[in-house]
PDB file of N, CA and C in Angstrom:
ATOM      1  N   MET A   1      -7.463 -37.619  40.408  1.00  0.00           N
ATOM      2  CA  MET A   1      -7.689 -35.512  40.472  1.00  0.00           C
ATOM      3  C   MET A   1      -6.433 -34.836  39.889  1.00  0.00           C
ATOM      4  N   ASN A   2      -5.381 -35.162  40.750  1.00  0.00           N
ATOM      5  CA  ASN A   2      -4.404 -34.333  40.647  1.00  0.00           C
ATOM      6  C   ASN A   2      -3.645 -34.543  39.459  1.00  0.00           C
ATOM      7  N   THR A   3      -3.644 -35.877  38.806  1.00  0.00           N
ATOM      8  CA  THR A   3      -3.698 -36.096  37.331  1.00  0.00           C
ATOM      9  C   THR A   3      -4.395 -35.362  36.226  1.00  0.00           C
ATOM     10  N   ASN A   4      -5.323 -35.078  36.458  1.00  0.00           N
ATOM     11  CA  ASN A   4      -6.366 -33.983  35.866  1.00  0.00           C
ATOM     12  C   ASN A   4      -6.106 -32.805  35.784  1.00  0.00           C
ATOM     13  N   ARG A   5      -5.778 -32.145  36.933  1.00  0.00           N
ATOM     14  CA  ARG A   5      -5.079 -31.214  37.004  1.00  0.00           C
ATOM     15  C   ARG A   5      -3.512 -30.732  36.144  1.00  0.00           C
ATOM     16  N   ASN A   6      -2.822 -32.063  36.566  1.00  0.00           N
ATOM     17  CA  ASN A   6      -1.623 -31.606  35.702  1.00  0.00           C
ATOM     18  C   ASN A   6      -1.415 -31.500  34.204  1.00  0.00           C
ATOM     19  N   LYS A   7      -2.571 -32.493  33.514  1.00  0.00           N
ATOM     20  CA  LYS A   7      -3.001 -32.828  32.246  1.00  0.00           C
ATOM     21  C   LYS A   7      -3.937 -31.187  31.508  1.00  0.00           C
ATOM     22  N   GLY A   8      -4.186 -30.646  32.971  1.00  0.00           N
ATOM     23  CA  GLY A   8      -5.150 -29.214  32.166  1.00  0.00           C
ATOM     24  C   GLY A   8      -3.800 -28.203  32.072  1.00  0.00           C
ATOM     25  N   ARG A   9      -3.207 -28.031  33.202  1.00  0.00           N
ATOM     26  CA  ARG A   9      -1.687 -27.190  32.869  1.00  0.00           C
ATOM     27  C   ARG A   9      -1.055 -27.584  31.926  1.00  0.00           C
ATOM     28  N   TYR A  10      -1.025 -29.237  32.060  1.00  0.00           N
ATOM     29  CA  TYR A  10       0.360 -29.010  30.355  1.00  0.00           C
ATOM     30  C   TYR A  10      -0.639 -28.442  29.209  1.00  0.00           C
ATOM     31  N   LEU A  11      -1.974 -28.747  28.738  1.00  0.00           N
ATOM     32  CA  LEU A  11      -2.523 -28.430  27.923  1.00  0.00           C
ATOM     33  C   LEU A  11      -2.724 -26.741  27.913  1.00  0.00           C
ATOM     34  N   SER A  12      -2.909 -26.146  29.067  1.00  0.00           N
ATOM     35  CA  SER A  12      -2.608 -24.744  29.458  1.00  0.00           C
ATOM     36  C   SER A  12      -1.311 -24.240  28.419  1.00  0.00           C
ATOM     37  N   ALA A  13      -0.316 -24.942  28.682  1.00  0.00           N
ATOM     38  CA  ALA A  13       0.934 -23.973  28.691  1.00  0.00           C
ATOM     39  C   ALA A  13       1.527 -24.735  27.046  1.00  0.00           C
ATOM     40  N   VAL A  14       0.661 -25.614  26.536  1.00  0.00           N
ATOM     41  CA  VAL A  14       0.974 -25.881  25.205  1.00  0.00           C
ATOM     42  C   VAL A  14       0.201 -25.123  23.646  1.00  0.00           C
ATOM     43  N   LEU A  15      -1.059 -24.705  24.905  1.00  0.00           N
ATOM     44  CA  LEU A  15      -1.781 -23.761  24.142  1.00  0.00           C
ATOM     45  C   LEU A  15      -1.502 -22.264  23.747  1.00  0.00           C
ATOM     46  N   LEU A  16      -0.758 -21.743  25.313  1.00  0.00           N
ATOM     47  CA  LEU A  16      -0.087 -20.384  25.599  1.00  0.00           C
ATOM     48  C   LEU A  16       1.477 -20.465  24.107  1.00  0.00           C
ATOM     49  N   LEU A  17       2.214 -21.944  24.455  1.00  0.00           N
ATOM     50  CA  LEU A  17       3.078 -21.184  23.845  1.00  0.00           C
ATOM     51  C   LEU A  17       2.113 -21.784  22.205  1.00  0.00           C
ATOM     52  N   ILE A  18       2.312 -22.260  21.292  1.00  0.00           N
ATOM     53  CA  ILE A  18       1.336 -22.150  20.327  1.00  0.00           C
ATOM     54  C   ILE A  18       0.903 -20.693  20.255  1.00  0.00           C
ATOM     55  N   SER A  19       0.118 -20.360  20.609  1.00  0.00           N
ATOM     56  CA  SER A  19      -0.372 -18.699  20.125  1.00  0.00           C
ATOM     57  C   SER A  19       0.758 -17.842  20.696  1.00  0.00           C
ATOM     58  N   LEU A  20       2.135 -18.387  21.389  1.00  0.00           N
ATOM     59  CA  LEU A  20       2.871 -17.239  21.337  1.00  0.00           C
ATOM     60  C   LEU A  20       3.789 -17.240  20.310  1.00  0.00           C
ATOM     61  N   LEU A  21       4.307 -18.419  19.504  1.00  0.00           N
ATOM     62  CA  LEU A  21       4.981 -19.333  18.514  1.00  0.00           C
ATOM     63  C   LEU A  21       4.373 -18.145  17.055  1.00  0.00           C
ATOM     64  N   SER A  22       2.757 -18.307  16.977  1.00  0.00           N
ATOM     65  CA  SER A  22       2.004 -17.856  16.306  1.00  0.00           C
ATOM     66  C   SER A  22       2.446 -16.734  16.012  1.00  0.00           C
ATOM     67  N   SER A  23       2.691 -15.822  16.876  1.00  0.00           N
ATOM     68  CA  SER A  23       2.160 -14.249  16.971  1.00  0.00           C
ATOM     69  C   SER A  23       4.320 -14.030  16.858  1.00  0.00           C
ATOM     70  N   VAL A  24       4.983 -14.634  16.929  1.00  0.00           N
ATOM     71  CA  VAL A  24       6.846 -14.502  16.487  1.00  0.00           C
ATOM     72  C   VAL A  24       6.674 -14.610  15.415  1.00  0.00           C
ATOM     73  N   GLY A  25       6.186 -15.815  15.234  1.00  0.00           N
ATOM     74  CA  GLY A  25       6.030 -15.960  13.509  1.00  0.00           C
ATOM     75  C   GLY A  25       5.586 -15.080  12.513  1.00  0.00           C
ATOM     76  N   ALA A  26       4.661 -14.488  13.241  1.00  0.00           N
ATOM     77  CA  ALA A  26       3.663 -13.368  12.424  1.00  0.00           C
ATOM     78  C   ALA A  26       4.484 -11.704  12.403  1.00  0.00           C
ATOM     79  N   GLN A  27       5.176 -11.864  13.447  1.00  0.00           N
ATOM     80  CA  GLN A  27       6.064 -10.729  13.420  1.00  0.00           C
ATOM     81  C   GLN A  27       7.609 -10.473  12.554  1.00  0.00           C
ATOM     82  N   GLN A  28       7.807 -11.446  12.558  1.00  0.00           N
ATOM     83  CA  GLN A  28       9.431 -12.130  11.690  1.00  0.00           C
ATOM     84  C   GLN A  28       9.050 -12.404  10.204  1.00  0.00           C
ATOM     85  N   SER A  29       7.809 -12.505  10.195  1.00  0.00           N
ATOM     86  CA  SER A  29       7.559 -12.932   8.180  1.00  0.00           C
ATOM     87  C   SER A  29       7.368 -11.458   7.607  1.00  0.00           C
ATOM     88  N   LYS A  30       7.735 -11.452   6.360  1.00  0.00           N
ATOM     89  CA  LYS A  30       8.188  -9.872   5.693  1.00  0.00           C
ATOM     90  C   LYS A  30       6.068 -10.149   5.080  1.00  0.00           C
ATOM     91  N   PRO A  31       6.565  -8.534   5.120  1.00  0.00           N
ATOM     92  CA  PRO A  31       4.744  -8.155   4.491  1.00  0.00           C
ATOM     93  C   PRO A  31       4.763  -8.346   3.163  1.00  0.00           C
ATOM     94  N   GLN A  32       3.979  -9.195   2.729  1.00  0.00           N
ATOM     95  CA  GLN A  32       3.656  -9.343   1.174  1.00  0.00           C
ATOM     96  C   GLN A  32       2.864  -8.647   0.699  1.00  0.00           C
ATOM     97  N   THR A  33       3.429  -8.618  -0.558  1.00  0.00           N
ATOM     98  CA  THR A  33       2.856  -7.266  -1.647  1.00  0.00           C
ATOM     99  C   THR A  33       1.518  -7.863  -2.560  1.00  0.00           C
ATOM    100  N   LYS A  34       1.496  -9.050  -2.635  1.00  0.00           N
ATOM    101  CA  LYS A  34       0.214  -9.508  -3.899  1.00  0.00           C
ATOM    102  C   LYS A  34      -0.593 -11.034  -2.403  1.00  0.00           C
ATOM    103  N   PRO A  35      -1.552 -10.812  -3.389  1.00  0.00           N
ATOM    104  CA  PRO A  35      -2.337 -11.757  -1.751  1.00  0.00           C
ATOM    105  C   PRO A  35      -2.087 -13.340  -2.237  1.00  0.00           C
ATOM    106  N   PHE A  36      -2.064 -13.930  -1.308  1.00  0.00           N
ATOM    107  CA  PHE A  36      -1.371 -15.482  -0.878  1.00  0.00           C
ATOM    108  C   PHE A  36      -2.386 -16.147  -2.586  1.00  0.00           C
ATOM    109  N   GLU A  37      -1.514 -16.853  -3.285  1.00  0.00           N
ATOM    110  CA  GLU A  37      -2.734 -17.657  -4.320  1.00  0.00           C
ATOM    111  C   GLU A  37      -2.275 -19.227  -3.656  1.00  0.00           C
ATOM    112  N   LEU A  38      -3.781 -19.684  -4.274  1.00  0.00           N
ATOM    113  CA  LEU A  38      -4.086 -20.631  -3.440  1.00  0.00           C
ATOM    114  C   LEU A  38      -3.941 -21.656  -4.846  1.00  0.00           C
ATOM    115  N   THR A  39      -2.707 -22.667  -4.596  1.00  0.00           N
ATOM    116  CA  THR A  39      -2.498 -23.783  -5.706  1.00  0.00           C
ATOM    117  C   THR A  39      -2.005 -24.717  -4.607  1.00  0.00           C
ATOM    118  N   VAL A  40      -1.761 -25.877  -5.878  1.00  0.00           N
ATOM    119  CA  VAL A  40      -1.545 -27.013  -5.348  1.00  0.00           C
ATOM    120  C   VAL A  40      -0.268 -26.799  -4.821  1.00  0.00           C
ATOM    121  N   ASP A  41       1.151 -26.210  -5.597  1.00  0.00           N
ATOM    122  CA  ASP A  41       2.281 -25.922  -4.915  1.00  0.00           C
ATOM    123  C   ASP A  41       2.310 -25.544  -3.847  1.00  0.00           C
ATOM    124  N   SER A  42       1.197 -24.167  -3.406  1.00  0.00           N
ATOM    125  CA  SER A  42       1.022 -23.588  -2.185  1.00  0.00           C
ATOM    126  C   SER A  42       0.774 -24.642  -1.061  1.00  0.00           C
ATOM    127  N   ILE A  43      -0.232 -25.214  -1.255  1.00  0.00           N
ATOM    128  CA  ILE A  43      -1.101 -25.828  -0.431  1.00  0.00           C
ATOM    129  C   ILE A  43       0.394 -26.850   0.198  1.00  0.00           C
ATOM    130  N   MET A  44       0.889 -27.823  -0.687  1.00  0.00           N
ATOM    131  CA  MET A  44       1.590 -28.914  -0.583  1.00  0.00           C
ATOM    132  C   MET A  44       3.116 -28.243   0.125  1.00  0.00           C
ATOM    133  N   ARG A  45       3.245 -26.827   0.413  1.00  0.00           N
ATOM    134  CA  ARG A  45       4.709 -26.275   1.677  1.00  0.00           C
ATOM    135  C   ARG A  45       4.305 -26.873   2.955  1.00  0.00           C
ATOM    136  N   GLY A  46       3.110 -27.301   3.357  1.00  0.00           N
ATOM    137  CA  GLY A  46       3.136 -27.358   4.611  1.00  0.00           C
ATOM    138  C   GLY A  46       3.703 -26.655   5.887  1.00  0.00           C
ATOM    139  N   PRO A  47       4.371 -27.292   6.430  1.00  0.00           N
ATOM    140  CA  PRO A  47       5.259 -26.291   7.680  1.00  0.00           C
ATOM    141  C   PRO A  47       5.864 -24.848   7.634  1.00  0.00           C
ATOM    142  N   ARG A  48       6.138 -25.508   6.048  1.00  0.00           N
ATOM    143  CA  ARG A  48       7.358 -24.260   5.445  1.00  0.00           C
ATOM    144  C   ARG A  48       6.244 -23.160   5.228  1.00  0.00           C
ATOM    145  N   LEU A  49       5.445 -23.255   5.275  1.00  0.00           N
ATOM    146  CA  LEU A  49       4.287 -21.984   5.162  1.00  0.00           C
ATOM    147  C   LEU A  49       3.253 -21.974   6.282  1.00  0.00           C
ATOM    148  N   VAL A  50       3.047 -22.681   7.367  1.00  0.00           N
ATOM    149  CA  VAL A  50       2.322 -22.514   8.757  1.00  0.00           C
ATOM    150  C   VAL A  50       3.390 -22.151   9.745  1.00  0.00           C
ATOM    151  N   GLY A  51       4.433 -23.319  10.044  1.00  0.00           N
ATOM    152  CA  GLY A  51       5.052 -23.734  10.653  1.00  0.00           C
ATOM    153  C   GLY A  51       5.377 -24.357  11.112  1.00  0.00           C
ATOM    154  N   TYR A  52       6.104 -25.122  11.858  1.00  0.00           N
ATOM    155  CA  TYR A  52       6.320 -26.408  12.755  1.00  0.00           C
ATOM    156  C   TYR A  52       5.596 -26.353  14.045  1.00  0.00           C
ATOM    157  N   PRO A  53       4.889 -27.304  14.188  1.00  0.00           N
ATOM    158  CA  PRO A  53       4.684 -27.575  15.966  1.00  0.00           C
ATOM    159  C   PRO A  53       5.617 -27.642  16.644  1.00  0.00           C
ATOM    160  N   PRO A  54       5.681 -27.595  18.082  1.00  0.00           N
ATOM    161  CA  PRO A  54       6.418 -27.145  18.953  1.00  0.00           C
ATOM    162  C   PRO A  54       6.330 -28.666  19.531  1.00  0.00           C
ATOM    163  N   THR A  55       7.509 -29.220  19.689  1.00  0.00           N
ATOM    164  CA  THR A  55       7.579 -30.323  20.205  1.00  0.00           C
ATOM    165  C   THR A  55       8.439 -30.173  22.091  1.00  0.00           C
ATOM    166  N   GLY A  56       8.326 -31.752  22.678  1.00  0.00           N
ATOM    167  CA  GLY A  56       8.743 -31.491  23.837  1.00  0.00           C
ATOM    168  C   GLY A  56       8.885 -30.683  24.878  1.00  0.00           C
ATOM    169  N   VAL A  57       7.477 -30.114  25.367  1.00  0.00           N
ATOM    170  CA  VAL A  57       7.100 -29.272  26.056  1.00  0.00           C
ATOM    171  C   VAL A  57       6.803 -29.503  27.461  1.00  0.00           C
ATOM    172  N   TYR A  58       8.214 -28.552  27.934  1.00  0.00           N
ATOM    173  CA  TYR A  58       8.096 -29.153  29.497  1.00  0.00           C
ATOM    174  C   TYR A  58       8.401 -27.642  30.175  1.00  0.00           C
ATOM    175  N   TRP A  59       7.772 -27.918  31.574  1.00  0.00           N
ATOM    176  CA  TRP A  59       8.575 -26.512  32.456  1.00  0.00           C
ATOM    177  C   TRP A  59       9.230 -26.873  32.960  1.00  0.00           C
ATOM    178  N   SER A  60      10.233 -25.794  33.817  1.00  0.00           N
ATOM    179  CA  SER A  60      11.359 -25.681  34.338  1.00  0.00           C
ATOM    180  C   SER A  60      10.612 -25.774  35.704  1.00  0.00           C
ATOM    181  N   GLN A  61      11.974 -26.663  36.416  1.00  0.00           N
ATOM    182  CA  GLN A  61      11.797 -27.010  38.321  1.00  0.00           C
ATOM    183  C   GLN A  61      10.990 -25.814  38.491  1.00  0.00           C
ATOM    184  N   ASP A  62      11.356 -24.518  38.987  1.00  0.00           N
ATOM    185  CA  ASP A  62      10.449 -23.283  39.168  1.00  0.00           C
ATOM    186  C   ASP A  62       9.094 -22.554  38.143  1.00  0.00           C
ATOM    187  N   SER A  63       8.699 -23.980  37.436  1.00  0.00           N
ATOM    188  CA  SER A  63       7.361 -23.252  36.691  1.00  0.00           C
ATOM    189  C   SER A  63       7.569 -21.833  36.330  1.00  0.00           C
ATOM    190  N   GLN A  64       9.028 -21.117  36.026  1.00  0.00           N
ATOM    191  CA  GLN A  64       8.840 -19.495  35.049  1.00  0.00           C
ATOM    192  C   GLN A  64       9.318 -20.025  34.345  1.00  0.00           C
ATOM    193  N   ARG A  65       9.780 -20.989  33.211  1.00  0.00           N
ATOM    194  CA  ARG A  65      10.088 -20.609  32.055  1.00  0.00           C
ATOM    195  C   ARG A  65       9.078 -21.776  31.202  1.00  0.00           C
ATOM    196  N   ILE A  66       9.006 -21.850  29.932  1.00  0.00           N
ATOM    197  CA  ILE A  66       9.124 -23.428  29.735  1.00  0.00           C
ATOM    198  C   ILE A  66       9.552 -23.440  28.380  1.00  0.00           C
ATOM    199  N   TYR A  67      10.200 -24.969  28.293  1.00  0.00           N
ATOM    200  CA  TYR A  67      11.184 -25.254  27.165  1.00  0.00           C
ATOM    201  C   TYR A  67      10.498 -26.330  26.491  1.00  0.00           C
ATOM    202  N   PHE A  68      10.965 -26.028  25.128  1.00  0.00           N
ATOM    203  CA  PHE A  68      10.523 -26.648  24.219  1.00  0.00           C
ATOM    204  C   PHE A  68      11.296 -26.473  22.865  1.00  0.00           C
ATOM    205  N   ARG A  69      11.318 -27.862  22.068  1.00  0.00           N
ATOM    206  CA  ARG A  69      11.917 -27.842  20.813  1.00  0.00           C
ATOM    207  C   ARG A  69      11.190 -27.262  19.370  1.00  0.00           C
ATOM    208  N   TRP A  70      11.643 -26.487  18.570  1.00  0.00           N
ATOM    209  CA  TRP A  70      10.897 -26.070  17.490  1.00  0.00           C
ATOM    210  C   TRP A  70      11.570 -25.428  16.736  1.00  0.00           C
ATOM    211  N   LYS A  71      11.235 -25.462  15.316  1.00  0.00           N
ATOM    212  CA  LYS A  71      12.097 -25.332  14.198  1.00  0.00           C
ATOM    213  C   LYS A  71      10.706 -24.130  13.358  1.00  0.00           C
ATOM    214  N   GLN A  72      11.738 -23.151  12.579  1.00  0.00           N
ATOM    215  CA  GLN A  72      10.953 -21.845  12.380  1.00  0.00           C
ATOM    216  C   GLN A  72      10.461 -22.393  11.059  1.00  0.00           C
ATOM    217  N   PRO A  73       9.819 -21.487  10.479  1.00  0.00           N
ATOM    218  CA  PRO A  73       9.338 -21.924   8.878  1.00  0.00           C
ATOM    219  C   PRO A  73       9.939 -21.674   7.616  1.00  0.00           C
ATOM    220  N   ASP A  74      11.212 -21.029   7.755  1.00  0.00           N
ATOM    221  CA  ASP A  74      11.808 -20.500   7.384  1.00  0.00           C
ATOM    222  C   ASP A  74      13.284 -21.840   6.963  1.00  0.00           C
ATOM    223  N   GLU A  75      13.119 -22.506   8.311  1.00  0.00           N
ATOM    224  CA  GLU A  75      14.507 -23.417   8.462  1.00  0.00           C
ATOM    225  C   GLU A  75      14.122 -24.408   7.074  1.00  0.00           C
ATOM    226  N   PRO A  76      15.256 -24.947   7.167  1.00  0.00           N
ATOM    227  CA  PRO A  76      15.392 -26.255   5.927  1.00  0.00           C
ATOM    228  C   PRO A  76      15.062 -27.098   7.188  1.00  0.00           C
ATOM    229  N   ARG A  77      14.236 -28.314   6.009  1.00  0.00           N
ATOM    230  CA  ARG A  77      12.961 -28.796   6.128  1.00  0.00           C
ATOM    231  C   ARG A  77      14.059 -30.548   7.064  1.00  0.00           C
ATOM    232  N   LEU A  78      15.187 -30.586   6.915  1.00  0.00           N
ATOM    233  CA  LEU A  78      15.764 -31.809   7.372  1.00  0.00           C
ATOM    234  C   LEU A  78      16.810 -31.175   8.556  1.00  0.00           C
ATOM    235  N   LYS A  79      17.061 -29.879   8.907  1.00  0.00           N
ATOM    236  CA  LYS A  79      17.412 -29.373  10.461  1.00  0.00           C
ATOM    237  C   LYS A  79      16.602 -29.790  11.429  1.00  0.00           C
ATOM    238  N   GLU A  80      17.926 -30.328  12.060  1.00  0.00           N
ATOM    239  CA  GLU A  80      17.168 -30.569  13.485  1.00  0.00           C
ATOM    240  C   GLU A  80      16.286 -29.663  14.538  1.00  0.00           C
ATOM    241  N   MET A  81      15.446 -29.725  15.377  1.00  0.00           N
ATOM    242  CA  MET A  81      14.766 -28.631  15.825  1.00  0.00           C
ATOM    243  C   MET A  81      15.557 -27.639  17.064  1.00  0.00           C
ATOM    244  N   SER A  82      15.023 -26.831  17.072  1.00  0.00           N
ATOM    245  CA  SER A  82      16.635 -26.642  18.325  1.00  0.00           C
ATOM    246  C   SER A  82      15.541 -26.325  19.365  1.00  0.00           C
ATOM    247  N   LEU A  83      16.298 -26.167  20.486  1.00  0.00           N
ATOM    248  CA  LEU A  83      15.896 -25.932  21.901  1.00  0.00           C
ATOM    249  C   LEU A  83      15.342 -24.441  22.197  1.00  0.00           C
ATOM    250  N   TYR A  84      14.119 -24.048  22.841  1.00  0.00           N
ATOM    251  CA  TYR A  84      13.757 -22.502  23.058  1.00  0.00           C
ATOM    252  C   TYR A  84      13.269 -22.744  24.176  1.00  0.00           C
ATOM    253  N   VAL A  85      13.297 -21.535  24.623  1.00  0.00           N
ATOM    254  CA  VAL A  85      12.999 -21.015  26.282  1.00  0.00           C
ATOM    255  C   VAL A  85      11.861 -19.950  26.476  1.00  0.00           C
ATOM    256  N   VAL A  86      10.525 -19.391  26.378  1.00  0.00           N
ATOM    257  CA  VAL A  86      10.202 -18.048  26.854  1.00  0.00           C
ATOM    258  C   VAL A  86       9.683 -18.753  28.385  1.00  0.00           C
ATOM    259  N   ASN A  87       9.482 -17.357  28.946  1.00  0.00           N
ATOM    260  CA  ASN A  87       9.033 -16.638  30.432  1.00  0.00           C
ATOM    261  C   ASN A  87       7.476 -17.509  30.307  1.00  0.00           C
ATOM    262  N   ARG A  88       7.170 -17.370  31.640  1.00  0.00           N
ATOM    263  CA  ARG A  88       6.128 -17.396  32.186  1.00  0.00           C
ATOM    264  C   ARG A  88       4.829 -17.104  31.286  1.00  0.00           C
ATOM    265  N   ASP A  89       5.585 -15.336  31.473  1.00  0.00           N
ATOM    266  CA  ASP A  89       4.247 -14.777  30.826  1.00  0.00           C
ATOM    267  C   ASP A  89       4.399 -14.585  29.751  1.00  0.00           C
ATOM    268  N   GLY A  90       5.194 -14.716  28.892  1.00  0.00           N
ATOM    269  CA  GLY A  90       5.267 -14.876  27.426  1.00  0.00           C
ATOM    270  C   GLY A  90       6.199 -14.299  26.675  1.00  0.00           C
ATOM    271  N   SER A  91       7.025 -13.453  27.713  1.00  0.00           N
ATOM    272  CA  SER A  91       8.326 -13.023  27.125  1.00  0.00           C
ATOM    273  C   SER A  91       9.616 -13.266  27.192  1.00  0.00           C
ATOM    274  N   GLY A  92      11.016 -12.896  26.699  1.00  0.00           N
ATOM    275  CA  GLY A  92      11.865 -13.593  26.539  1.00  0.00           C
ATOM    276  C   GLY A  92      11.590 -14.902  26.014  1.00  0.00           C
ATOM    277  N   LEU A  93      11.132 -14.532  24.558  1.00  0.00           N
ATOM    278  CA  LEU A  93      11.425 -16.091  23.834  1.00  0.00           C
ATOM    279  C   LEU A  93      12.640 -16.183  23.220  1.00  0.00           C
ATOM    280  N   ARG A  94      13.490 -17.292  23.298  1.00  0.00           N
ATOM    281  CA  ARG A  94      15.023 -17.296  22.397  1.00  0.00           C
ATOM    282  C   ARG A  94      15.437 -18.074  22.394  1.00  0.00           C
ATOM    283  N   ARG A  95      16.239 -18.644  21.728  1.00  0.00           N
ATOM    284  CA  ARG A  95      16.753 -20.094  20.891  1.00  0.00           C
ATOM    285  C   ARG A  95      18.234 -20.213  22.379  1.00  0.00           C
ATOM    286  N   LEU A  96      18.157 -21.298  22.673  1.00  0.00           N
ATOM    287  CA  LEU A  96      19.090 -21.562  23.430  1.00  0.00           C
ATOM    288  C   LEU A  96      20.198 -22.517  22.773  1.00  0.00           C
ATOM    289  N   THR A  97      21.722 -21.744  23.116  1.00  0.00           N
ATOM    290  CA  THR A  97      22.391 -22.101  22.503  1.00  0.00           C
ATOM    291  C   THR A  97      23.095 -23.518  22.450  1.00  0.00           C
ATOM    292  N   GLU A  98      23.780 -24.283  21.689  1.00  0.00           N
ATOM    293  CA  GLU A  98      24.128 -25.602  22.183  1.00  0.00           C
ATOM    294  C   GLU A  98      24.728 -25.831  23.665  1.00  0.00           C
ATOM    295  N   GLU A  99      25.511 -25.490  24.405  1.00  0.00           N
ATOM    296  CA  GLU A  99      26.129 -25.673  25.584  1.00  0.00           C
ATOM    297  C   GLU A  99      24.681 -25.110  26.360  1.00  0.00           C
ATOM    298  N   GLU A 100      23.970 -24.456  26.422  1.00  0.00           N
ATOM    299  CA  GLU A 100      22.736 -23.623  27.173  1.00  0.00           C
ATOM    300  C   GLU A 100      21.881 -25.484  26.920  1.00  0.00           C
ATOM    301  N   SER A 101      21.989 -25.834  25.866  1.00  0.00           N
ATOM    302  CA  SER A 101      20.678 -26.999  25.686  1.00  0.00           C
ATOM    303  C   SER A 101      21.532 -28.065  26.648  1.00  0.00           C
ATOM    304  N   LYS A 102      22.519 -28.611  26.672  1.00  0.00           N
ATOM    305  CA  LYS A 102      23.334 -29.649  27.384  1.00  0.00           C
ATOM    306  C   LYS A 102      22.915 -29.552  29.148  1.00  0.00           C
TER     307      LYS A 102
END
Protein backbone atom coordinates (compact mmCIF):
# COMPACT_ATOMS: atom_id res chain seq x y z
CA MET A 1 0.00 0.00 0.00
CA ASN A 2 2.87 2.36 0.81
CA THR A 3 4.35 1.61 -2.63
CA ASN A 4 1.13 2.76 -4.30
CA ARG A 5 1.22 5.98 -2.29
CA ASN A 6 4.83 6.60 -3.37
CA LYS A 7 3.91 5.95 -7.01
CA GLY A 8 1.04 8.40 -6.70
CA ARG A 9 3.32 11.04 -5.22
CA TYR A 10 5.90 10.46 -7.94
CA LEU A 11 3.25 10.75 -10.66
CA SER A 12 1.91 13.94 -9.06
CA ALA A 13 5.41 15.40 -8.95
CA VAL A 14 6.04 14.57 -12.61
CA LEU A 15 2.72 16.09 -13.68
CA LEU A 16 3.43 19.23 -11.64
CA LEU A 17 6.86 19.46 -13.19
CA ILE A 18 5.55 19.10 -16.73
CA SER A 19 2.92 21.79 -16.16
CA LEU A 20 5.57 24.12 -14.69
CA LEU A 21 7.90 23.53 -17.61
CA SER A 22 5.09 24.20 -20.06
CA SER A 23 4.36 27.55 -18.43
CA VAL A 24 8.08 28.45 -18.38
CA GLY A 25 8.41 27.59 -22.05
CA ALA A 26 5.36 29.71 -22.87
CA GLN A 27 6.78 32.67 -20.95
CA GLN A 28 10.15 32.42 -22.68
CA SER A 29 8.83 31.96 -26.20
CA LYS A 30 8.79 34.88 -28.59
CA PRO A 31 5.39 36.16 -29.72
CA GLN A 32 4.51 34.78 -33.13
CA THR A 33 3.61 37.29 -35.79
CA LYS A 34 1.94 34.80 -38.11
CA PRO A 35 -0.14 31.69 -37.43
CA PHE A 36 1.63 28.35 -37.19
CA GLU A 37 1.77 26.59 -40.55
CA LEU A 38 1.04 22.88 -40.33
CA THR A 39 3.53 21.41 -42.80
CA VAL A 40 5.61 18.23 -42.84
CA ASP A 41 8.71 20.29 -41.99
CA SER A 42 7.08 21.94 -38.98
CA ILE A 43 5.68 18.63 -37.71
CA MET A 44 9.07 16.93 -38.01
CA ARG A 45 10.72 19.49 -35.69
CA GLY A 46 9.52 17.34 -32.79
CA PRO A 47 11.13 18.41 -29.48
CA ARG A 48 12.46 21.64 -31.03
CA LEU A 49 8.82 22.66 -31.43
CA VAL A 50 7.22 21.39 -28.21
CA GLY A 51 10.23 20.90 -25.92
CA TYR A 52 11.95 17.91 -24.38
CA PRO A 53 10.35 15.87 -21.60
CA PRO A 54 12.11 16.01 -18.21
CA THR A 55 14.01 12.91 -17.11
CA GLY A 56 15.52 11.66 -13.88
CA VAL A 57 12.92 13.38 -11.71
CA TYR A 58 13.45 13.06 -7.94
CA TRP A 59 12.59 14.87 -4.71
CA SER A 60 15.16 16.41 -2.37
CA GLN A 61 15.59 14.57 0.94
CA ASP A 62 13.51 17.19 2.76
CA SER A 63 10.75 17.03 0.06
CA GLN A 64 10.95 20.79 -0.53
CA ARG A 65 12.48 20.72 -4.05
CA ILE A 66 12.25 18.64 -7.21
CA TYR A 67 15.37 17.92 -9.25
CA PHE A 68 15.27 16.82 -12.89
CA ARG A 69 17.24 16.79 -16.13
CA TRP A 70 15.78 18.91 -18.93
CA LYS A 71 16.65 20.58 -22.20
CA GLN A 72 14.75 23.61 -23.43
CA PRO A 73 13.31 23.59 -26.98
CA ASP A 74 15.79 26.16 -28.31
CA GLU A 75 18.86 24.18 -27.19
CA PRO A 76 20.83 22.06 -29.72
CA ARG A 77 19.60 18.50 -30.20
CA LEU A 78 22.95 16.91 -29.34
CA LYS A 79 23.51 18.99 -26.19
CA GLU A 80 23.24 17.01 -22.97
CA MET A 81 20.34 17.74 -20.65
CA SER A 82 21.09 20.08 -17.75
CA LEU A 83 20.11 19.57 -14.11
CA TYR A 84 17.30 21.86 -12.91
CA VAL A 85 15.65 22.42 -9.55
CA VAL A 86 12.26 23.87 -8.66
CA ASN A 87 10.68 24.51 -5.29
CA ARG A 88 7.77 22.36 -4.13
CA ASP A 89 5.31 25.23 -4.75
CA GLY A 90 6.53 25.69 -8.35
CA SER A 91 8.61 28.80 -7.72
CA GLY A 92 12.34 29.23 -8.17
CA LEU A 93 12.95 27.20 -11.32
CA ARG A 94 16.65 27.40 -12.18
CA ARG A 95 19.40 25.51 -13.93
CA LEU A 96 22.12 24.26 -11.60
CA THR A 97 25.75 25.01 -12.37
CA GLU A 98 28.11 22.11 -13.01
CA GLU A 99 29.55 22.46 -9.51
CA GLU A 100 26.09 22.45 -7.92
CA SER A 101 25.19 19.37 -9.97
CA LYS A 102 28.12 17.44 -8.50
